[in-house]
Amino acid sequence: MTKRSFSFFLLLGGGFLDYFGIGLVFPLFSKIAFDSSLAFLDPGTSDAMRGLWMGLLIALTPIVQFFASPFLGSLSDRIGRRPIILAAACLATLSYGVAALGILQSSLVLLLLYRALFGVCAATVNVAQAAVIDLSGEEGKASSLSYFNMALGLGFMMGPFLGGRLADPALISWFSLITPFVFSAAISAVNCWLLFWKLKETRKGEKEKPLGGLQQLFSAFVYRPLRGYFLAFFLFFFGWDFFMEFAPVFLMKRFALNTAQIGNFYAYVGFAYALLAGFAARPIVKRFAPKVVLYFTMVAGGICLLVGLLIRSPVAFLWYLPALCFCLALYYPASAAFVSDSSSENRQGEVLGMFGSIQALALVLSPLFTGAFIGRFPAFPLLMGGLFMLFGAGVFAVQSASDQKGDAEEAG
């Protein structure tokens, strides 16, 4: 195996662990927030307030990610991808230790600190994407991004699956809420060692000077070639993230699932996504233009979520989910390839960082502004998620039509 190939597999492994950590908490935070027998919140706390706390725990990571993504992406264009990725892996190990201490002491403050630290780690996913593009070249970009997204899906599958299992004392008597974080810290430490030992720098050529201050932070909203598309992506991300973040509450209320079963749900979604991204979606994103793939998947994804409102059986819900996963398996590599194609070679990290901040902003706003509603209206994630995804498809279509009109006028 060449050094280039080994670096590619290390990047896939890093992406896997990033999304493992993101998915890990989904079955755990619902229990922390809504189980009145635990000491994190007063037993008399209302469902609305519990939903608000759960929203805050979920939102803090993307809040930090929103601020960090453009900066770290731009910094990686200047100093290289390797030091950013390596530092984030070390910080992830530390953050899991903080989480374990927070569980041990039933401290929401320490759990919030953990979420803030992990937000910095999550902000480097787009740096890893830029490194994958560095290694792949123009022709192999879409295919490599499909493999990268397959790794993310596998991580998202294993995170909640193991999170639910490792926190279940019925499986092994000494398992508890702290066990998933101790396990994650251990594998994260191994990842640090592998990255330090084997990951090679992928960034070649002239280094760009990063933007500074507020210009960099809000660059996604003023970057002319993509700002309309970024709005469409934000709306789509908002809809999907809103569903996935609060799916545990929906599953608990409608289907009476427990923590382990919710972990199985996320594992099933992650497995379906990874399988479809690696095998079914990859030939499609290689053959068709990203813009065509994006419009189809944004419309189909929104419709799929709304259809979920009609399902009353947990078995039927499982049969329905692969259609939704297929839309996402097409959407993520196509959107990353579209953003990459719209920027110069020397600004890949910066522009993909903007893209990451858009995703993070969607993750921030959905739990902060709607978390209190979830305890009262458990089906709310499917309804609002589907509508926002369709709204994003509409904005994408309008922006695309505007660009085509402008190109025609220039040609004429």
Protein backbone atom coordinates (compact mmCIF):
# COMPACT_ATOMS: atom_id res chain seq x y z
CA MET A 1 0.00 0.00 0.00
CA THR A 2 1.37 3.42 -0.97
CA LYS A 3 1.73 6.28 1.50
CA ARG A 4 -0.96 8.14 -0.44
CA SER A 5 -3.41 5.23 -0.12
CA PHE A 6 -2.65 4.80 3.58
CA SER A 7 -3.28 8.50 4.20
CA PHE A 8 -6.62 8.16 2.40
CA PHE A 9 -7.65 5.27 4.67
CA LEU A 10 -6.54 7.22 7.75
CA LEU A 11 -8.77 10.09 6.63
CA LEU A 12 -11.66 7.67 6.23
CA GLY A 13 -10.94 6.36 9.74
CA GLY A 14 -10.85 9.89 11.13
CA GLY A 15 -14.18 10.70 9.50
CA PHE A 16 -15.59 7.49 10.92
CA LEU A 17 -14.53 8.47 14.45
CA ASP A 18 -15.83 12.02 14.10
CA TYR A 19 -19.30 10.78 13.22
CA PHE A 20 -19.02 7.98 15.75
CA GLY A 21 -18.68 10.71 18.38
CA ILE A 22 -21.54 12.72 16.90
CA GLY A 23 -23.89 9.73 16.89
CA LEU A 24 -22.75 8.39 20.25
CA VAL A 25 -24.76 10.87 22.28
CA PHE A 26 -28.16 10.56 20.60
CA PRO A 27 -29.47 7.62 22.65
CA LEU A 28 -27.72 8.96 25.78
CA PHE A 29 -28.88 12.58 25.87
CA SER A 30 -32.55 11.61 25.54
CA LYS A 31 -32.15 9.46 28.66
CA ILE A 32 -30.17 12.16 30.51
CA ALA A 33 -32.82 14.78 29.72
CA PHE A 34 -36.04 12.76 30.04
CA ASP A 35 -35.29 10.09 32.67
CA SER A 36 -36.51 11.64 35.94
CA SER A 37 -34.68 8.99 38.00
CA LEU A 38 -31.30 10.51 37.07
CA ALA A 39 -29.78 13.40 39.04
CA PHE A 40 -28.95 15.71 36.13
CA LEU A 41 -32.26 17.58 36.44
CA ASP A 42 -34.77 18.02 39.23
CA PRO A 43 -37.43 15.25 39.11
CA GLY A 44 -40.17 17.88 38.82
CA THR A 45 -38.72 19.42 35.64
CA SER A 46 -41.37 19.66 32.90
CA ASP A 47 -41.08 17.86 29.55
CA ALA A 48 -40.79 21.21 27.79
CA MET A 49 -37.83 22.24 29.96
CA ARG A 50 -36.22 18.82 29.54
CA GLY A 51 -36.53 19.21 25.79
CA LEU A 52 -34.90 22.62 26.07
CA TRP A 53 -31.95 21.17 28.01
CA MET A 54 -31.59 18.36 25.49
CA GLY A 55 -31.62 20.95 22.71
CA LEU A 56 -28.88 22.94 24.44
CA LEU A 57 -26.70 19.85 24.89
CA ILE A 58 -27.10 18.98 21.22
CA ALA A 59 -26.69 22.56 20.00
CA LEU A 60 -23.46 23.50 21.76
CA THR A 61 -21.25 21.34 19.54
CA PRO A 62 -22.52 22.90 16.29
CA ILE A 63 -22.36 26.39 17.84
CA VAL A 64 -18.63 25.94 18.32
CA GLN A 65 -18.40 24.19 14.96
CA PHE A 66 -20.03 27.17 13.25
CA PHE A 67 -17.37 29.53 14.58
CA ALA A 68 -14.46 27.13 14.09
CA SER A 69 -15.15 25.59 10.64
CA PRO A 70 -14.30 28.57 8.40
CA PHE A 71 -11.25 29.45 10.50
CA LEU A 72 -9.84 25.91 10.59
CA GLY A 73 -10.59 25.33 6.91
CA SER A 74 -8.83 28.54 5.95
CA LEU A 75 -5.96 27.80 8.34
CA SER A 76 -5.49 24.40 6.72
CA ASP A 77 -4.99 26.16 3.38
CA ARG A 78 -2.13 28.05 5.00
CA ILE A 79 -0.34 25.58 7.28
CA GLY A 80 -1.58 22.28 5.84
CA ARG A 81 -4.23 19.70 6.68
CA ARG A 82 -2.15 17.36 8.87
CA PRO A 83 -1.55 19.57 11.95
CA ILE A 84 -5.24 20.55 12.10
CA ILE A 85 -6.45 16.95 11.85
CA LEU A 86 -3.90 15.69 14.38
CA ALA A 87 -4.69 18.41 16.94
CA ALA A 88 -8.43 17.72 16.63
CA ALA A 89 -7.91 13.99 17.24
CA CYS A 90 -6.01 14.75 20.46
CA LEU A 91 -8.72 17.18 21.57
CA ALA A 92 -11.39 14.53 20.94
CA THR A 93 -9.65 12.19 23.39
CA LEU A 94 -9.63 14.93 26.02
CA SER A 95 -13.29 15.80 25.40
CA TYR A 96 -14.43 12.20 25.99
CA GLY A 97 -12.59 12.27 29.32
CA VAL A 98 -14.45 15.43 30.30
CA ALA A 99 -17.75 13.76 29.34
CA ALA A 100 -16.97 10.72 31.47
CA LEU A 101 -16.25 12.99 34.43
CA GLY A 102 -19.50 14.85 33.81
CA ILE A 103 -21.50 11.60 33.89
CA LEU A 104 -19.69 10.50 37.04
CA GLN A 105 -20.60 13.73 38.82
CA SER A 106 -24.05 14.16 37.18
CA SER A 107 -22.84 17.57 36.02
CA LEU A 108 -24.53 19.32 33.11
CA VAL A 109 -21.76 21.95 33.21
CA LEU A 110 -19.09 19.35 32.41
CA LEU A 111 -21.28 17.83 29.71
CA LEU A 112 -21.65 21.27 28.15
CA LEU A 113 -17.85 21.69 28.29
CA TYR A 114 -17.48 18.32 26.56
CA ARG A 115 -19.87 19.41 23.81
CA ALA A 116 -17.92 22.64 23.30
CA LEU A 117 -14.58 20.82 23.01
CA PHE A 118 -16.05 18.27 20.63
CA GLY A 119 -17.39 21.12 18.50
CA VAL A 120 -13.80 22.04 17.61
CA CYS A 121 -13.16 18.43 16.60
CA ALA A 122 -16.31 18.30 14.48
CA ALA A 123 -15.20 21.47 12.68
CA THR A 124 -12.30 19.55 11.12
CA VAL A 125 -14.52 17.16 9.12
CA ASN A 126 -14.36 19.64 6.25
CA VAL A 127 -10.58 19.83 6.58
CA ALA A 128 -10.55 16.05 6.15
CA GLN A 129 -12.82 16.44 3.11
CA ALA A 130 -10.35 18.93 1.65
CA ALA A 131 -7.53 16.44 2.27
CA VAL A 132 -9.53 13.71 0.48
CA ILE A 133 -9.96 16.06 -2.48
CA ASP A 134 -6.22 16.86 -2.40
CA LEU A 135 -5.47 13.16 -2.77
CA SER A 136 -8.14 12.43 -5.38
CA GLY A 137 -7.86 15.05 -8.10
CA GLU A 138 -10.74 16.33 -10.22
CA GLU A 139 -11.74 13.05 -11.87
CA GLY A 140 -11.79 10.98 -8.68
CA LYS A 141 -13.32 13.65 -6.44
CA ALA A 142 -16.96 12.50 -6.47
CA SER A 143 -16.04 8.84 -6.04
CA SER A 144 -13.64 9.55 -3.15
CA LEU A 145 -16.20 11.76 -1.42
CA SER A 146 -18.72 8.92 -1.68
CA TYR A 147 -16.29 6.64 0.13
CA PHE A 148 -15.67 9.36 2.71
CA ASN A 149 -19.40 9.74 3.28
CA MET A 150 -19.67 5.96 3.55
CA ALA A 151 -17.15 6.13 6.40
CA LEU A 152 -19.18 8.91 8.04
CA GLY A 153 -22.31 6.78 7.75
CA LEU A 154 -20.59 3.78 9.30
CA GLY A 155 -19.38 5.97 12.17
CA PHE A 156 -22.86 7.34 12.66
CA MET A 157 -24.16 3.77 12.66
CA MET A 158 -21.70 2.46 15.23
CA GLY A 159 -21.84 5.53 17.51
CA PRO A 160 -25.46 5.32 18.67
CA PHE A 161 -25.49 1.51 18.41
CA LEU A 162 -22.53 1.13 20.78
CA GLY A 163 -23.67 4.11 22.82
CA GLY A 164 -26.97 2.39 23.54
CA ARG A 165 -25.31 -0.99 24.18
CA LEU A 166 -22.43 0.22 26.32
CA ALA A 167 -24.83 2.22 28.52
CA ASP A 168 -27.18 -0.74 29.08
CA PRO A 169 -26.58 -2.51 32.46
CA ALA A 170 -28.99 -5.26 31.37
CA LEU A 171 -26.32 -6.36 28.88
CA ILE A 172 -23.39 -6.30 31.33
CA SER A 173 -23.96 -5.32 34.95
CA TRP A 174 -21.19 -2.71 35.16
CA PHE A 175 -22.21 -0.88 31.97
CA SER A 176 -23.58 2.61 32.60
CA LEU A 177 -23.83 6.04 30.94
CA ILE A 178 -20.10 6.55 31.55
CA THR A 179 -18.96 3.44 29.65
CA PRO A 180 -19.49 4.78 26.08
CA PHE A 181 -17.27 7.78 26.78
CA VAL A 182 -14.45 5.73 28.32
CA PHE A 183 -14.55 3.40 25.30
CA SER A 184 -14.53 6.38 22.91
CA ALA A 185 -11.57 7.97 24.67
CA ALA A 186 -9.60 4.74 24.24
CA ILE A 187 -10.20 4.37 20.50
CA SER A 188 -9.63 8.10 19.99
CA ALA A 189 -6.21 7.78 21.65
CA VAL A 190 -5.32 4.96 19.24
CA ASN A 191 -6.41 7.17 16.35
CA CYS A 192 -4.12 9.96 17.57
CA TRP A 193 -1.17 7.58 17.54
CA LEU A 194 -1.95 6.32 14.01
CA LEU A 195 -2.37 9.83 12.64
CA PHE A 196 0.87 11.02 14.22
CA TRP A 197 2.73 7.99 12.92
CA LYS A 198 1.39 7.63 9.39
CA LEU A 199 -0.67 10.59 8.13
CA LYS A 200 1.20 12.58 5.48
CA GLU A 201 0.53 16.16 4.49
CA THR A 202 -1.82 16.36 1.48
CA ARG A 203 -1.79 20.12 0.89
CA LYS A 204 0.64 21.02 -1.87
CA GLY A 205 1.45 24.19 -3.70
CA GLU A 206 1.08 27.83 -2.73
CA LYS A 207 -0.44 28.49 0.66
CA GLU A 208 -3.31 30.96 0.90
CA LYS A 209 -3.44 33.62 3.58
CA PRO A 210 -6.62 33.04 5.62
CA LEU A 211 -9.30 35.65 6.01
CA GLY A 212 -9.47 37.36 9.35
CA GLY A 213 -12.00 38.41 11.94
CA LEU A 214 -15.67 38.81 11.08
CA GLN A 215 -14.94 38.57 7.36
CA GLN A 216 -13.90 34.96 7.83
CA LEU A 217 -16.65 34.07 10.29
CA PHE A 218 -19.47 35.26 8.04
CA SER A 219 -17.74 34.51 4.73
CA ALA A 220 -20.32 31.87 3.85
CA PHE A 221 -23.02 34.53 3.69
CA VAL A 222 -21.13 36.90 1.40
CA TYR A 223 -19.27 34.47 -0.88
CA ARG A 224 -20.93 35.50 -4.14
CA PRO A 225 -20.53 32.31 -6.22
CA LEU A 226 -22.31 30.18 -3.61
CA ARG A 227 -24.31 32.32 -1.19
CA GLY A 228 -27.69 31.46 -2.76
CA TYR A 229 -26.82 27.78 -2.79
CA PHE A 230 -25.53 28.00 0.77
CA LEU A 231 -28.98 29.28 1.82
CA ALA A 232 -30.59 26.28 0.10
CA PHE A 233 -28.13 23.92 1.79
CA PHE A 234 -28.80 25.53 5.15
CA LEU A 235 -32.55 24.96 4.81
CA PHE A 236 -32.05 21.35 3.77
CA PHE A 237 -29.58 20.69 6.59
CA PHE A 238 -31.94 22.34 9.06
CA GLY A 239 -34.76 20.00 8.07
CA TRP A 240 -32.68 16.83 8.18
CA ASP A 241 -30.80 17.73 11.37
CA PHE A 242 -34.03 18.70 13.10
CA PHE A 243 -35.43 15.25 12.41
CA MET A 244 -32.30 13.34 13.43
CA GLU A 245 -31.62 15.31 16.60
CA PHE A 246 -35.10 14.82 18.03
CA ALA A 247 -35.89 11.42 16.55
CA PRO A 248 -35.24 9.77 19.97
CA VAL A 249 -38.12 11.69 21.53
CA PHE A 250 -40.39 10.84 18.59
CA LEU A 251 -39.43 7.17 18.86
CA MET A 252 -39.94 7.13 22.64
CA LYS A 253 -43.34 8.81 22.45
CA ARG A 254 -44.84 7.11 19.36
CA PHE A 255 -43.28 3.64 19.49
CA ALA A 256 -42.25 3.40 23.20
CA LEU A 257 -38.64 2.53 22.34
CA ASN A 258 -35.98 2.33 25.07
CA THR A 259 -32.38 3.59 24.98
CA ALA A 260 -30.96 0.42 23.43
CA GLN A 261 -33.70 0.34 20.79
CA ILE A 262 -33.06 3.98 19.91
CA GLY A 263 -29.40 3.06 19.49
CA ASN A 264 -30.54 0.30 17.11
CA PHE A 265 -32.53 2.87 15.14
CA TYR A 266 -29.48 5.07 14.60
CA ALA A 267 -27.37 2.02 13.77
CA TYR A 268 -29.91 0.98 11.17
CA VAL A 269 -30.00 4.46 9.63
CA GLY A 270 -26.19 4.65 9.60
CA PHE A 271 -25.81 1.19 8.11
CA ALA A 272 -28.38 1.87 5.37
CA TYR A 273 -26.74 5.22 4.61
CA ALA A 274 -23.22 3.76 4.49
CA LEU A 275 -24.26 0.84 2.28
CA LEU A 276 -26.13 3.08 -0.14
CA ALA A 277 -23.38 5.74 -0.17
CA GLY A 278 -20.64 3.22 -0.93
CA PHE A 279 -22.42 1.16 -3.56
CA ALA A 280 -25.69 2.60 -4.87
CA ALA A 281 -24.96 6.35 -4.76
CA ARG A 282 -21.33 6.33 -5.93
CA PRO A 283 -21.97 5.41 -9.60
CA ILE A 284 -24.78 7.98 -9.77
CA VAL A 285 -22.71 10.90 -8.45
CA LYS A 286 -19.89 9.88 -10.84
CA ARG A 287 -22.20 9.89 -13.86
CA PHE A 288 -24.48 12.88 -13.31
CA ALA A 289 -23.70 16.53 -12.65
CA PRO A 290 -23.87 17.46 -8.93
CA LYS A 291 -26.53 20.10 -9.59
CA VAL A 292 -28.92 17.55 -11.14
CA VAL A 293 -28.38 15.07 -8.30
CA LEU A 294 -28.87 17.75 -5.67
CA TYR A 295 -32.22 19.01 -6.92
CA PHE A 296 -33.66 15.51 -7.18
CA THR A 297 -32.50 14.45 -3.73
CA MET A 298 -33.65 17.65 -2.00
CA VAL A 299 -37.18 17.25 -3.33
CA ALA A 300 -37.31 13.49 -2.72
CA GLY A 301 -35.86 13.83 0.78
CA GLY A 302 -38.48 16.38 1.86
CA ILE A 303 -41.31 14.22 0.53
CA CYS A 304 -39.92 11.15 2.30
CA LEU A 305 -39.92 12.89 5.68
CA LEU A 306 -43.51 14.04 5.28
CA VAL A 307 -44.59 10.51 4.34
CA GLY A 308 -43.19 9.36 7.70
CA LEU A 309 -46.03 11.22 9.46
CA LEU A 310 -48.45 8.59 8.18
CA ILE A 311 -46.58 5.60 9.63
CA ARG A 312 -47.83 4.16 12.93
CA SER A 313 -45.95 0.86 13.07
CA PRO A 314 -42.26 0.62 14.10
CA VAL A 315 -41.72 -2.19 11.58
CA ALA A 316 -43.21 -0.13 8.75
CA PHE A 317 -41.02 2.79 9.85
CA LEU A 318 -37.92 0.61 9.44
CA TRP A 319 -39.01 -0.40 5.92
CA TYR A 320 -39.53 3.26 5.04
CA LEU A 321 -36.15 4.57 6.23
CA PRO A 322 -33.87 3.26 3.39
CA ALA A 323 -35.63 5.51 0.86
CA LEU A 324 -34.79 8.52 3.02
CA CYS A 325 -31.22 7.27 3.50
CA PHE A 326 -30.75 6.90 -0.25
CA CYS A 327 -31.62 10.58 -0.74
CA LEU A 328 -29.02 11.54 1.87
CA ALA A 329 -26.43 9.15 0.42
CA LEU A 330 -26.73 11.01 -2.88
CA TYR A 331 -27.00 14.48 -1.36
CA TYR A 332 -23.87 14.68 0.79
CA PRO A 333 -21.16 13.75 -1.76
CA ALA A 334 -22.96 15.72 -4.50
CA SER A 335 -23.16 18.86 -2.33
CA ALA A 336 -19.49 18.62 -1.28
CA ALA A 337 -18.42 18.08 -4.92
CA PHE A 338 -20.59 21.02 -6.02
CA VAL A 339 -19.01 23.33 -3.45
CA SER A 340 -15.52 22.10 -4.29
CA ASP A 341 -16.08 22.63 -8.03
CA SER A 342 -17.10 26.22 -7.32
CA SER A 343 -13.80 27.19 -5.68
CA SER A 344 -10.17 27.40 -6.72
CA GLU A 345 -7.64 24.72 -5.82
CA ASN A 346 -5.94 27.01 -3.31
CA ARG A 347 -9.19 27.78 -1.44
CA GLN A 348 -10.61 24.27 -1.01
CA GLY A 349 -10.19 24.22 2.77
CA GLU A 350 -11.62 27.72 3.21
CA VAL A 351 -14.72 27.18 1.04
CA LEU A 352 -15.40 23.72 2.45
CA GLY A 353 -15.04 25.34 5.87
CA MET A 354 -17.80 27.78 4.90
CA PHE A 355 -19.86 24.77 3.86
CA GLY A 356 -19.21 23.20 7.26
CA SER A 357 -20.31 26.36 9.06
CA ILE A 358 -23.60 26.28 7.17
CA GLN A 359 -24.19 22.72 8.37
CA ALA A 360 -23.22 23.72 11.91
CA LEU A 361 -25.56 26.71 11.92
CA ALA A 362 -28.46 24.42 10.98
CA LEU A 363 -27.51 22.12 13.86
CA VAL A 364 -27.43 25.10 16.22
CA LEU A 365 -30.75 26.69 15.37
CA SER A 366 -32.98 23.64 15.19
CA PRO A 367 -32.58 22.53 18.84
CA LEU A 368 -32.27 26.03 20.29
CA PHE A 369 -35.48 27.40 18.80
CA THR A 370 -37.62 24.28 18.77
CA GLY A 371 -36.38 22.01 21.57
CA ALA A 372 -39.11 23.14 23.95
CA PHE A 373 -41.85 22.06 21.48
CA ILE A 374 -40.68 18.47 21.18
CA GLY A 375 -41.98 17.25 24.52
CA ARG A 376 -45.48 18.45 23.56
CA PHE A 377 -45.52 17.54 19.84
CA PRO A 378 -43.34 14.45 19.21
CA ALA A 379 -44.18 14.30 15.45
CA PHE A 380 -42.94 17.88 14.97
CA PRO A 381 -39.48 16.77 13.65
CA LEU A 382 -40.97 14.99 10.63
CA LEU A 383 -43.38 17.78 9.74
CA MET A 384 -40.96 20.69 10.03
CA GLY A 385 -38.03 18.67 8.74
CA GLY A 386 -39.84 17.76 5.53
CA LEU A 387 -41.13 21.29 4.93
CA PHE A 388 -37.70 22.88 5.39
CA MET A 389 -36.07 20.35 3.06
CA LEU A 390 -38.63 21.17 0.34
CA PHE A 391 -38.13 24.89 0.97
CA GLY A 392 -34.40 24.37 0.44
CA ALA A 393 -35.10 22.56 -2.84
CA GLY A 394 -37.15 25.56 -3.98
CA VAL A 395 -34.36 28.03 -3.15
CA PHE A 396 -31.86 25.79 -4.95
CA ALA A 397 -34.07 25.70 -8.08
CA VAL A 398 -34.51 29.48 -8.10
CA GLN A 399 -30.76 30.10 -7.70
CA SER A 400 -29.94 27.58 -10.42
CA ALA A 401 -32.43 29.19 -12.82
CA SER A 402 -30.95 32.61 -12.04
CA ASP A 403 -27.43 31.37 -12.81
CA GLN A 404 -28.56 29.81 -16.09
CA LYS A 405 -30.25 33.05 -17.12
CA GLY A 406 -27.10 35.03 -16.29
CA ASP A 407 -24.93 32.62 -18.28
CA ALA A 408 -27.28 32.89 -21.26
CA GLU A 409 -27.19 36.68 -21.14
CA GLU A 410 -23.38 36.67 -21.03
CA ALA A 411 -23.22 34.23 -23.94
CA GLY A 412 -25.64 36.36 -25.95
